[in-house]
């Protein structure tokens, strides 16, 4: 073979990385029947980069190859908030909080047409074979509310509930045609 896709059938690969930080931190000030907390929570911090050197398949007895693709994505959502709780009775507690969130998503992919001269060639992603690019972007910040309750029905059982408004991100999508698709 030419060093590209020399194994028949589907190949699956896994890679991983680890980021060490403190995804949640809080400072709580307790009172006799109440408490107040300040906190910061990283909901999402995700980054992905990929390169696809064409996927090969058989379609109606003919060998076909998908376009080569370069892509990258990043998603980040971070919250900072203040929350309070009050013990209404020995069996019922209520809580309320306000959160400031910052969210961002940035995704880009570029599809490249196949090299007509060498069907099995390793992707080199030359500018003249650029077919289409896709860009997805969202960035927003704002405030949201959350509330909860805890009802101690017996010494061994409790029932709780929680409501949280999620962040809202408006997605902007741009598709651009490259020289190979004009």
N, C-alpha and C. Protein backbone atom coordinates (compact mmCIF):
# COMPACT_ATOMS: atom_id res chain seq x y z
N UNK A 1 0.81 -1.18 0.00
CA UNK A 1 0.00 0.00 0.00
C UNK A 1 0.86 1.25 0.00
N UNK A 2 0.20 2.36 -0.05
CA UNK A 2 0.89 3.65 -0.07
C UNK A 2 1.01 4.26 1.33
N UNK A 3 0.69 3.48 2.37
CA UNK A 3 0.79 3.99 3.73
C UNK A 3 -0.47 4.65 4.23
N UNK A 4 -1.50 4.68 3.41
CA UNK A 4 -2.76 5.28 3.81
C UNK A 4 -3.83 4.20 3.80
N UNK A 5 -4.51 4.00 4.92
CA UNK A 5 -5.61 3.05 5.04
C UNK A 5 -5.24 1.68 4.52
N UNK A 6 -4.23 1.08 5.09
CA UNK A 6 -3.78 -0.25 4.65
C UNK A 6 -4.45 -1.37 5.42
N UNK A 7 -5.35 -1.04 6.34
CA UNK A 7 -6.07 -2.04 7.12
C UNK A 7 -7.51 -2.08 6.64
N UNK A 8 -7.99 -3.28 6.28
CA UNK A 8 -9.38 -3.37 5.80
C UNK A 8 -10.33 -3.24 6.98
N UNK A 9 -11.52 -2.74 6.71
CA UNK A 9 -12.54 -2.57 7.74
C UNK A 9 -12.40 -1.25 8.47
N UNK A 10 -13.23 -1.09 9.45
CA UNK A 10 -13.30 0.15 10.22
C UNK A 10 -12.16 0.20 11.23
N UNK A 11 -11.49 1.34 11.30
CA UNK A 11 -10.45 1.56 12.32
C UNK A 11 -10.96 2.60 13.29
N UNK A 12 -10.82 2.30 14.56
CA UNK A 12 -11.27 3.23 15.58
C UNK A 12 -10.09 3.55 16.47
N UNK A 13 -9.86 4.81 16.72
CA UNK A 13 -8.76 5.23 17.58
C UNK A 13 -9.28 6.10 18.70
N UNK A 14 -8.61 6.06 19.80
CA UNK A 14 -8.99 6.85 20.95
C UNK A 14 -7.76 7.58 21.45
N UNK A 15 -7.93 8.84 21.74
CA UNK A 15 -6.88 9.60 22.40
C UNK A 15 -7.50 10.38 23.54
N UNK A 16 -6.69 10.69 24.50
CA UNK A 16 -7.25 11.44 25.62
C UNK A 16 -6.19 12.36 26.19
N UNK A 17 -6.66 13.34 26.91
CA UNK A 17 -5.78 14.24 27.62
C UNK A 17 -6.48 14.64 28.90
N UNK A 18 -5.72 15.16 29.80
CA UNK A 18 -6.29 15.53 31.08
C UNK A 18 -5.88 16.96 31.40
N UNK A 19 -6.84 17.71 31.86
CA UNK A 19 -6.57 19.07 32.28
C UNK A 19 -6.82 19.13 33.78
N UNK A 20 -5.86 19.60 34.50
CA UNK A 20 -6.03 19.68 35.94
C UNK A 20 -6.24 21.13 36.35
N UNK A 21 -7.36 21.36 36.96
CA UNK A 21 -7.68 22.65 37.54
C UNK A 21 -8.75 22.40 38.59
N UNK A 22 -9.29 23.43 39.12
CA UNK A 22 -10.35 23.30 40.12
C UNK A 22 -11.66 23.68 39.44
N UNK A 23 -12.49 22.69 39.04
CA UNK A 23 -13.71 23.01 38.30
C UNK A 23 -14.82 23.62 39.16
N UNK A 24 -14.74 23.44 40.47
CA UNK A 24 -15.76 24.01 41.35
C UNK A 24 -15.08 24.48 42.64
N UNK A 25 -15.39 25.69 43.04
CA UNK A 25 -14.90 26.19 44.32
C UNK A 25 -16.00 27.04 44.95
N UNK A 26 -16.07 27.00 46.27
CA UNK A 26 -17.12 27.74 46.97
C UNK A 26 -16.61 28.22 48.32
N UNK A 27 -17.19 29.32 48.76
CA UNK A 27 -16.96 29.85 50.09
C UNK A 27 -18.33 29.99 50.73
N UNK A 28 -18.55 29.30 51.84
CA UNK A 28 -19.85 29.27 52.50
C UNK A 28 -19.74 29.93 53.87
N UNK A 29 -20.69 30.81 54.16
CA UNK A 29 -20.79 31.44 55.47
C UNK A 29 -22.09 30.97 56.11
N UNK A 30 -22.00 30.11 57.13
CA UNK A 30 -23.23 29.58 57.75
C UNK A 30 -23.71 30.44 58.92
N UNK A 31 -25.02 30.56 59.01
CA UNK A 31 -25.66 31.20 60.16
C UNK A 31 -26.39 30.13 60.95
N UNK A 32 -27.23 30.56 61.91
CA UNK A 32 -27.94 29.56 62.73
C UNK A 32 -29.01 28.82 61.91
N UNK A 33 -29.83 29.56 61.15
CA UNK A 33 -30.86 28.91 60.33
C UNK A 33 -30.71 29.28 58.85
N UNK A 34 -29.57 29.84 58.47
CA UNK A 34 -29.37 30.29 57.10
C UNK A 34 -27.90 30.11 56.72
N UNK A 35 -27.62 30.23 55.45
CA UNK A 35 -26.24 30.22 54.97
C UNK A 35 -26.20 30.97 53.64
N UNK A 36 -25.01 31.50 53.34
CA UNK A 36 -24.77 32.22 52.09
C UNK A 36 -23.50 31.64 51.48
N UNK A 37 -23.49 31.50 50.15
CA UNK A 37 -22.32 30.94 49.47
C UNK A 37 -21.96 31.76 48.24
N UNK A 38 -20.68 31.91 48.01
CA UNK A 38 -20.14 32.44 46.76
C UNK A 38 -19.43 31.27 46.09
N UNK A 39 -19.59 31.14 44.77
CA UNK A 39 -18.96 30.00 44.11
C UNK A 39 -18.61 30.31 42.66
N UNK A 40 -17.77 29.46 42.11
CA UNK A 40 -17.39 29.48 40.70
C UNK A 40 -17.41 28.04 40.21
N UNK A 41 -18.03 27.82 39.05
CA UNK A 41 -18.19 26.47 38.52
C UNK A 41 -17.89 26.46 37.02
N UNK A 42 -16.95 25.64 36.60
CA UNK A 42 -16.67 25.45 35.18
C UNK A 42 -17.56 24.31 34.70
N UNK A 43 -18.62 24.65 33.96
CA UNK A 43 -19.53 23.64 33.43
C UNK A 43 -18.90 22.88 32.28
N UNK A 44 -18.22 23.60 31.41
CA UNK A 44 -17.63 22.96 30.23
C UNK A 44 -16.33 23.67 29.86
N UNK A 45 -15.35 22.89 29.49
CA UNK A 45 -14.09 23.41 28.97
C UNK A 45 -13.54 22.30 28.07
N UNK A 46 -13.94 22.34 26.81
CA UNK A 46 -13.70 21.24 25.87
C UNK A 46 -13.02 21.76 24.63
N UNK A 47 -12.00 21.04 24.17
CA UNK A 47 -11.29 21.42 22.96
C UNK A 47 -11.01 20.15 22.15
N UNK A 48 -11.26 20.22 20.84
CA UNK A 48 -11.05 19.06 19.96
C UNK A 48 -10.48 19.54 18.63
N UNK A 49 -9.47 18.84 18.15
CA UNK A 49 -8.91 19.08 16.83
C UNK A 49 -8.85 17.74 16.12
N UNK A 50 -9.28 17.69 14.85
CA UNK A 50 -9.25 16.42 14.12
C UNK A 50 -8.87 16.63 12.67
N UNK A 51 -8.37 15.55 12.08
CA UNK A 51 -8.01 15.52 10.66
C UNK A 51 -8.50 14.19 10.12
N UNK A 52 -9.29 14.24 9.06
CA UNK A 52 -9.79 13.01 8.42
C UNK A 52 -9.18 12.94 7.02
N UNK A 53 -8.41 11.89 6.78
CA UNK A 53 -7.79 11.68 5.47
C UNK A 53 -8.70 10.80 4.62
N UNK A 54 -9.89 11.26 4.39
CA UNK A 54 -10.85 10.52 3.56
C UNK A 54 -11.27 9.22 4.20
N UNK A 55 -12.54 8.94 4.18
CA UNK A 55 -13.06 7.65 4.62
C UNK A 55 -13.39 6.84 3.37
N UNK A 56 -12.96 5.60 3.34
CA UNK A 56 -13.17 4.75 2.17
C UNK A 56 -14.35 3.81 2.43
N UNK A 57 -15.14 3.56 1.39
CA UNK A 57 -16.28 2.66 1.50
C UNK A 57 -16.59 2.09 0.12
N UNK A 58 -17.44 1.07 0.09
CA UNK A 58 -17.90 0.49 -1.16
C UNK A 58 -19.36 0.88 -1.33
N UNK A 59 -19.67 1.51 -2.46
CA UNK A 59 -21.03 1.95 -2.75
C UNK A 59 -21.43 1.36 -4.10
N UNK A 60 -22.43 0.48 -4.09
CA UNK A 60 -22.88 -0.22 -5.31
C UNK A 60 -21.73 -0.89 -6.04
N UNK A 61 -20.84 -1.54 -5.27
CA UNK A 61 -19.72 -2.27 -5.86
C UNK A 61 -18.55 -1.40 -6.27
N UNK A 62 -18.62 -0.08 -6.03
CA UNK A 62 -17.54 0.82 -6.43
C UNK A 62 -16.89 1.41 -5.19
N UNK A 63 -15.55 1.47 -5.18
CA UNK A 63 -14.82 2.05 -4.07
C UNK A 63 -14.96 3.57 -4.14
N UNK A 64 -15.40 4.18 -3.02
CA UNK A 64 -15.57 5.64 -2.95
C UNK A 64 -14.79 6.16 -1.75
N UNK A 65 -14.45 7.43 -1.81
CA UNK A 65 -13.72 8.08 -0.72
C UNK A 65 -14.41 9.40 -0.40
N UNK A 66 -14.58 9.66 0.91
CA UNK A 66 -15.17 10.94 1.31
C UNK A 66 -14.11 12.03 1.22
N UNK A 67 -14.57 13.27 1.32
CA UNK A 67 -13.65 14.40 1.27
C UNK A 67 -12.75 14.40 2.51
N UNK A 68 -11.57 14.99 2.36
CA UNK A 68 -10.67 15.17 3.49
C UNK A 68 -11.15 16.36 4.32
N UNK A 69 -11.03 16.28 5.64
CA UNK A 69 -11.59 17.31 6.52
C UNK A 69 -10.60 17.69 7.62
N UNK A 70 -10.45 18.97 7.84
CA UNK A 70 -9.75 19.52 8.99
C UNK A 70 -10.79 20.20 9.87
N UNK A 71 -10.73 19.98 11.18
CA UNK A 71 -11.71 20.65 12.05
C UNK A 71 -11.13 20.92 13.43
N UNK A 72 -11.73 21.92 14.07
CA UNK A 72 -11.39 22.24 15.46
C UNK A 72 -12.64 22.78 16.14
N UNK A 73 -12.75 22.51 17.43
CA UNK A 73 -13.90 22.98 18.21
C UNK A 73 -13.43 23.34 19.61
N UNK A 74 -14.10 24.32 20.18
CA UNK A 74 -13.84 24.73 21.56
C UNK A 74 -15.15 25.18 22.18
N UNK A 75 -15.47 24.66 23.37
CA UNK A 75 -16.67 25.05 24.11
C UNK A 75 -16.25 25.36 25.55
N UNK A 76 -16.69 26.52 26.05
CA UNK A 76 -16.39 26.92 27.42
C UNK A 76 -17.64 27.55 28.03
N UNK A 77 -18.01 27.10 29.22
CA UNK A 77 -19.10 27.71 29.99
C UNK A 77 -18.65 27.79 31.44
N UNK A 78 -18.60 29.00 31.98
CA UNK A 78 -18.16 29.22 33.35
C UNK A 78 -19.22 30.04 34.08
N UNK A 79 -19.55 29.63 35.30
CA UNK A 79 -20.53 30.33 36.13
C UNK A 79 -19.88 30.87 37.39
N UNK A 80 -20.33 32.02 37.82
CA UNK A 80 -19.97 32.56 39.13
C UNK A 80 -21.28 32.99 39.78
N UNK A 81 -21.46 32.64 41.05
CA UNK A 81 -22.76 32.95 41.63
C UNK A 81 -22.73 33.18 43.12
N UNK A 82 -23.88 33.62 43.59
CA UNK A 82 -24.14 33.77 45.01
C UNK A 82 -25.46 33.05 45.29
N UNK A 83 -25.49 32.30 46.40
CA UNK A 83 -26.69 31.54 46.74
C UNK A 83 -26.94 31.64 48.23
N UNK A 84 -28.20 31.58 48.59
CA UNK A 84 -28.57 31.61 50.00
C UNK A 84 -29.59 30.54 50.31
N UNK A 85 -29.56 30.05 51.54
CA UNK A 85 -30.52 29.04 51.98
C UNK A 85 -31.07 29.44 53.34
N UNK A 86 -32.33 29.08 53.58
CA UNK A 86 -32.96 29.40 54.85
C UNK A 86 -33.76 28.20 55.31
N UNK A 87 -33.57 27.85 56.58
CA UNK A 87 -34.30 26.73 57.17
C UNK A 87 -35.61 27.27 57.74
N UNK A 88 -36.70 27.12 56.95
CA UNK A 88 -38.00 27.66 57.33
C UNK A 88 -38.52 26.98 58.59
N UNK A 89 -38.45 25.64 58.62
CA UNK A 89 -38.79 24.84 59.80
C UNK A 89 -37.69 23.78 59.95
N UNK A 90 -37.82 22.96 60.97
CA UNK A 90 -36.84 21.88 61.14
C UNK A 90 -36.92 20.87 60.01
N UNK A 91 -38.02 20.89 59.25
CA UNK A 91 -38.21 19.90 58.18
C UNK A 91 -38.17 20.50 56.78
N UNK A 92 -38.15 21.82 56.62
CA UNK A 92 -38.20 22.44 55.30
C UNK A 92 -37.15 23.54 55.17
N UNK A 93 -36.34 23.43 54.11
CA UNK A 93 -35.34 24.45 53.78
C UNK A 93 -35.57 24.92 52.35
N UNK A 94 -35.35 26.22 52.11
CA UNK A 94 -35.50 26.81 50.79
C UNK A 94 -34.20 27.51 50.40
N UNK A 95 -33.93 27.53 49.11
CA UNK A 95 -32.71 28.19 48.63
C UNK A 95 -32.98 28.99 47.37
N UNK A 96 -32.15 30.03 47.16
CA UNK A 96 -32.29 30.88 45.99
C UNK A 96 -30.90 31.39 45.62
N UNK A 97 -30.64 31.50 44.32
CA UNK A 97 -29.34 31.97 43.90
C UNK A 97 -29.40 32.74 42.59
N UNK A 98 -28.37 33.55 42.37
CA UNK A 98 -28.20 34.30 41.13
C UNK A 98 -26.84 33.92 40.56
N UNK A 99 -26.80 33.64 39.26
CA UNK A 99 -25.59 33.19 38.60
C UNK A 99 -25.24 34.13 37.44
N UNK A 100 -23.97 34.47 37.33
CA UNK A 100 -23.48 35.16 36.14
C UNK A 100 -22.70 34.13 35.33
N UNK A 101 -23.09 33.94 34.09
CA UNK A 101 -22.43 32.93 33.26
C UNK A 101 -21.76 33.59 32.06
N UNK A 102 -20.70 32.96 31.61
CA UNK A 102 -20.01 33.33 30.38
C UNK A 102 -19.88 32.06 29.55
N UNK A 103 -20.40 32.08 28.34
CA UNK A 103 -20.33 30.92 27.47
C UNK A 103 -19.77 31.27 26.12
N UNK A 104 -19.00 30.34 25.56
CA UNK A 104 -18.41 30.57 24.24
C UNK A 104 -18.26 29.24 23.51
N UNK A 105 -18.59 29.26 22.22
CA UNK A 105 -18.37 28.11 21.35
C UNK A 105 -17.76 28.61 20.05
N UNK A 106 -16.72 27.93 19.61
CA UNK A 106 -16.06 28.27 18.36
C UNK A 106 -15.73 26.97 17.65
N UNK A 107 -16.28 26.78 16.48
CA UNK A 107 -16.06 25.55 15.73
C UNK A 107 -15.80 25.91 14.27
N UNK A 108 -14.83 25.23 13.68
CA UNK A 108 -14.47 25.49 12.29
C UNK A 108 -14.11 24.17 11.63
N UNK A 109 -14.61 23.97 10.41
CA UNK A 109 -14.20 22.79 9.64
C UNK A 109 -14.02 23.19 8.18
N UNK A 110 -13.09 22.51 7.54
CA UNK A 110 -12.79 22.76 6.12
C UNK A 110 -12.78 21.42 5.40
N UNK A 111 -13.57 21.32 4.33
CA UNK A 111 -13.61 20.11 3.51
C UNK A 111 -12.80 20.35 2.25
N UNK A 112 -12.02 19.35 1.88
CA UNK A 112 -11.16 19.46 0.70
C UNK A 112 -11.54 18.40 -0.32
N UNK A 113 -11.59 18.81 -1.59
CA UNK A 113 -11.89 17.89 -2.67
C UNK A 113 -10.76 16.87 -2.79
N UNK A 114 -11.06 15.76 -3.44
CA UNK A 114 -10.07 14.69 -3.60
C UNK A 114 -9.07 15.03 -4.69
N UNK A 115 -7.87 14.53 -4.52
CA UNK A 115 -6.82 14.68 -5.53
C UNK A 115 -7.14 13.73 -6.67
N UNK A 116 -7.49 14.27 -7.83
CA UNK A 116 -7.89 13.45 -8.99
C UNK A 116 -6.76 12.55 -9.48
N UNK A 117 -5.50 12.95 -9.25
CA UNK A 117 -4.37 12.18 -9.76
C UNK A 117 -4.06 10.95 -8.92
N UNK A 118 -4.34 10.98 -7.61
CA UNK A 118 -4.03 9.83 -6.75
C UNK A 118 -5.15 9.65 -5.74
N UNK A 119 -6.05 8.70 -6.05
CA UNK A 119 -7.22 8.43 -5.23
C UNK A 119 -6.82 8.05 -3.80
N UNK A 120 -5.69 7.38 -3.62
CA UNK A 120 -5.26 6.88 -2.32
C UNK A 120 -4.24 7.79 -1.64
N UNK A 121 -3.99 8.98 -2.21
CA UNK A 121 -2.97 9.87 -1.65
C UNK A 121 -3.33 10.35 -0.26
N UNK A 122 -2.32 10.52 0.57
CA UNK A 122 -2.52 11.08 1.90
C UNK A 122 -2.94 12.55 1.74
N UNK A 123 -3.86 12.98 2.54
CA UNK A 123 -4.36 14.35 2.43
C UNK A 123 -3.25 15.35 2.71
N UNK A 124 -3.12 16.34 1.84
CA UNK A 124 -2.14 17.40 2.06
C UNK A 124 -2.83 18.76 2.25
N UNK A 125 -4.13 18.81 2.02
CA UNK A 125 -4.96 19.98 2.24
C UNK A 125 -4.46 21.23 1.50
N UNK A 126 -4.20 21.13 0.19
CA UNK A 126 -3.75 22.31 -0.55
C UNK A 126 -4.91 23.30 -0.74
N UNK A 127 -4.62 24.61 -0.72
CA UNK A 127 -5.67 25.63 -0.83
C UNK A 127 -6.53 25.49 -2.09
N UNK A 128 -5.96 25.06 -3.20
CA UNK A 128 -6.74 24.95 -4.45
C UNK A 128 -7.79 23.84 -4.39
N UNK A 129 -7.66 22.88 -3.45
CA UNK A 129 -8.66 21.82 -3.31
C UNK A 129 -9.68 22.11 -2.21
N UNK A 130 -9.62 23.31 -1.63
CA UNK A 130 -10.60 23.68 -0.61
C UNK A 130 -11.99 23.72 -1.22
N UNK A 131 -12.89 22.94 -0.66
CA UNK A 131 -14.26 22.83 -1.18
C UNK A 131 -15.19 23.77 -0.42
N UNK A 132 -15.32 23.56 0.89
CA UNK A 132 -16.26 24.34 1.69
C UNK A 132 -15.71 24.48 3.11
N UNK A 133 -15.94 25.64 3.70
CA UNK A 133 -15.63 25.82 5.12
C UNK A 133 -16.91 26.13 5.88
N UNK A 134 -16.94 25.71 7.12
CA UNK A 134 -18.08 25.94 8.00
C UNK A 134 -17.56 26.55 9.29
N UNK A 135 -18.17 27.63 9.72
CA UNK A 135 -17.79 28.27 10.97
C UNK A 135 -19.04 28.41 11.83
N UNK A 136 -18.94 27.98 13.08
CA UNK A 136 -20.03 28.11 14.05
C UNK A 136 -19.48 28.86 15.25
N UNK A 137 -20.09 29.99 15.58
CA UNK A 137 -19.60 30.78 16.71
C UNK A 137 -20.76 31.25 17.57
N UNK A 138 -20.53 31.21 18.87
CA UNK A 138 -21.50 31.72 19.83
C UNK A 138 -20.72 32.27 21.02
N UNK A 139 -21.16 33.40 21.52
CA UNK A 139 -20.55 33.98 22.71
C UNK A 139 -21.61 34.81 23.41
N UNK A 140 -21.77 34.58 24.70
CA UNK A 140 -22.79 35.32 25.42
C UNK A 140 -22.46 35.29 26.90
N UNK A 141 -23.04 36.21 27.62
CA UNK A 141 -22.94 36.23 29.07
C UNK A 141 -24.23 36.83 29.60
N UNK A 142 -24.51 36.56 30.85
CA UNK A 142 -25.73 37.09 31.43
C UNK A 142 -26.01 36.50 32.79
N UNK A 143 -27.16 36.85 33.33
CA UNK A 143 -27.55 36.38 34.65
C UNK A 143 -28.69 35.38 34.52
N UNK A 144 -28.73 34.43 35.45
CA UNK A 144 -29.84 33.49 35.52
C UNK A 144 -30.11 33.16 36.99
N UNK A 145 -31.28 32.59 37.23
CA UNK A 145 -31.71 32.27 38.60
C UNK A 145 -31.73 30.78 38.83
N UNK A 146 -31.61 30.39 40.08
CA UNK A 146 -31.85 29.02 40.46
C UNK A 146 -32.49 29.00 41.85
N UNK A 147 -33.25 27.95 42.10
CA UNK A 147 -33.97 27.82 43.37
C UNK A 147 -34.10 26.34 43.72
N UNK A 148 -34.23 26.07 45.00
CA UNK A 148 -34.37 24.68 45.43
C UNK A 148 -35.06 24.58 46.76
N UNK A 149 -35.42 23.33 47.10
CA UNK A 149 -36.03 23.06 48.40
C UNK A 149 -35.58 21.70 48.90
N UNK A 150 -35.63 21.52 50.19
CA UNK A 150 -35.36 20.23 50.82
C UNK A 150 -36.41 20.02 51.90
N UNK A 151 -37.15 18.93 51.77
CA UNK A 151 -38.21 18.59 52.72
C UNK A 151 -37.82 17.28 53.38
N UNK A 152 -37.62 17.30 54.68
CA UNK A 152 -37.27 16.10 55.44
C UNK A 152 -38.58 15.43 55.88
N UNK A 153 -38.99 14.41 55.13
CA UNK A 153 -40.28 13.75 55.39
C UNK A 153 -40.23 12.86 56.63
N UNK A 154 -39.05 12.34 56.97
CA UNK A 154 -38.87 11.50 58.15
C UNK A 154 -37.38 11.55 58.51
N UNK A 155 -36.98 10.98 59.64
CA UNK A 155 -35.55 11.00 59.98
C UNK A 155 -34.66 10.30 58.94
N UNK A 156 -35.23 9.36 58.16
CA UNK A 156 -34.43 8.62 57.19
C UNK A 156 -34.67 9.05 55.74
N UNK A 157 -35.69 9.84 55.46
CA UNK A 157 -36.04 10.19 54.09
C UNK A 157 -36.18 11.70 53.90
N UNK A 158 -35.72 12.15 52.75
CA UNK A 158 -35.87 13.57 52.37
C UNK A 158 -36.24 13.63 50.91
N UNK A 159 -36.94 14.71 50.55
CA UNK A 159 -37.29 14.95 49.15
C UNK A 159 -36.78 16.35 48.81
N UNK A 160 -36.11 16.46 47.67
CA UNK A 160 -35.58 17.75 47.27
C UNK A 160 -35.88 18.04 45.82
N UNK A 161 -35.82 19.29 45.47
CA UNK A 161 -36.03 19.71 44.08
C UNK A 161 -35.16 20.92 43.78
N UNK A 162 -34.85 21.09 42.51
CA UNK A 162 -33.94 22.16 42.11
C UNK A 162 -34.34 22.66 40.74
N UNK A 163 -34.35 23.97 40.56
CA UNK A 163 -34.61 24.57 39.25
C UNK A 163 -33.43 25.46 38.91
N UNK A 164 -32.95 25.32 37.69
CA UNK A 164 -31.83 26.15 37.25
C UNK A 164 -32.08 26.61 35.82
N UNK A 165 -31.98 27.91 35.60
CA UNK A 165 -32.03 28.44 34.24
C UNK A 165 -30.67 28.18 33.61
N UNK A 166 -30.67 27.68 32.39
CA UNK A 166 -29.41 27.45 31.70
C UNK A 166 -28.97 28.67 30.92
N UNK A 167 -27.71 28.68 30.51
CA UNK A 167 -27.23 29.81 29.70
C UNK A 167 -27.84 29.77 28.31
N UNK A 168 -27.97 30.91 27.70
CA UNK A 168 -28.48 31.01 26.33
C UNK A 168 -27.34 31.49 25.43
N UNK A 169 -27.09 30.72 24.39
CA UNK A 169 -26.06 31.08 23.42
C UNK A 169 -26.70 31.18 22.05
N UNK A 170 -26.47 32.26 21.35
CA UNK A 170 -26.97 32.44 19.99
C UNK A 170 -25.88 32.00 19.04
N UNK A 171 -26.21 31.06 18.17
CA UNK A 171 -25.23 30.47 17.26
C UNK A 171 -25.24 31.19 15.92
N UNK A 172 -24.06 31.59 15.46
CA UNK A 172 -23.87 32.21 14.14
C UNK A 172 -23.14 31.21 13.25
N UNK A 173 -23.73 30.91 12.10
CA UNK A 173 -23.17 29.92 11.19
C UNK A 173 -22.81 30.59 9.87
N UNK A 174 -21.60 30.31 9.39
CA UNK A 174 -21.15 30.84 8.10
C UNK A 174 -20.63 29.68 7.27
N UNK A 175 -21.15 29.53 6.06
CA UNK A 175 -20.66 28.51 5.13
C UNK A 175 -20.05 29.26 3.95
N UNK A 176 -18.81 28.90 3.61
CA UNK A 176 -18.09 29.56 2.54
C UNK A 176 -17.66 28.54 1.49
N UNK A 177 -17.88 28.88 0.23
CA UNK A 177 -17.49 27.99 -0.86
C UNK A 177 -16.05 28.31 -1.25
N UNK A 178 -15.24 27.25 -1.40
CA UNK A 178 -13.84 27.42 -1.77
C UNK A 178 -13.62 27.26 -3.26
N UNK A 179 -12.37 27.38 -3.72
CA UNK A 179 -12.08 27.32 -5.15
C UNK A 179 -12.43 25.99 -5.82
N UNK A 180 -12.39 24.89 -5.07
CA UNK A 180 -12.70 23.57 -5.66
C UNK A 180 -14.19 23.40 -5.91
N UNK A 181 -15.04 24.27 -5.33
CA UNK A 181 -16.49 24.12 -5.47
C UNK A 181 -17.10 25.25 -6.31
N UNK A 182 -16.26 26.14 -6.83
CA UNK A 182 -16.80 27.28 -7.60
C UNK A 182 -17.15 26.88 -9.01
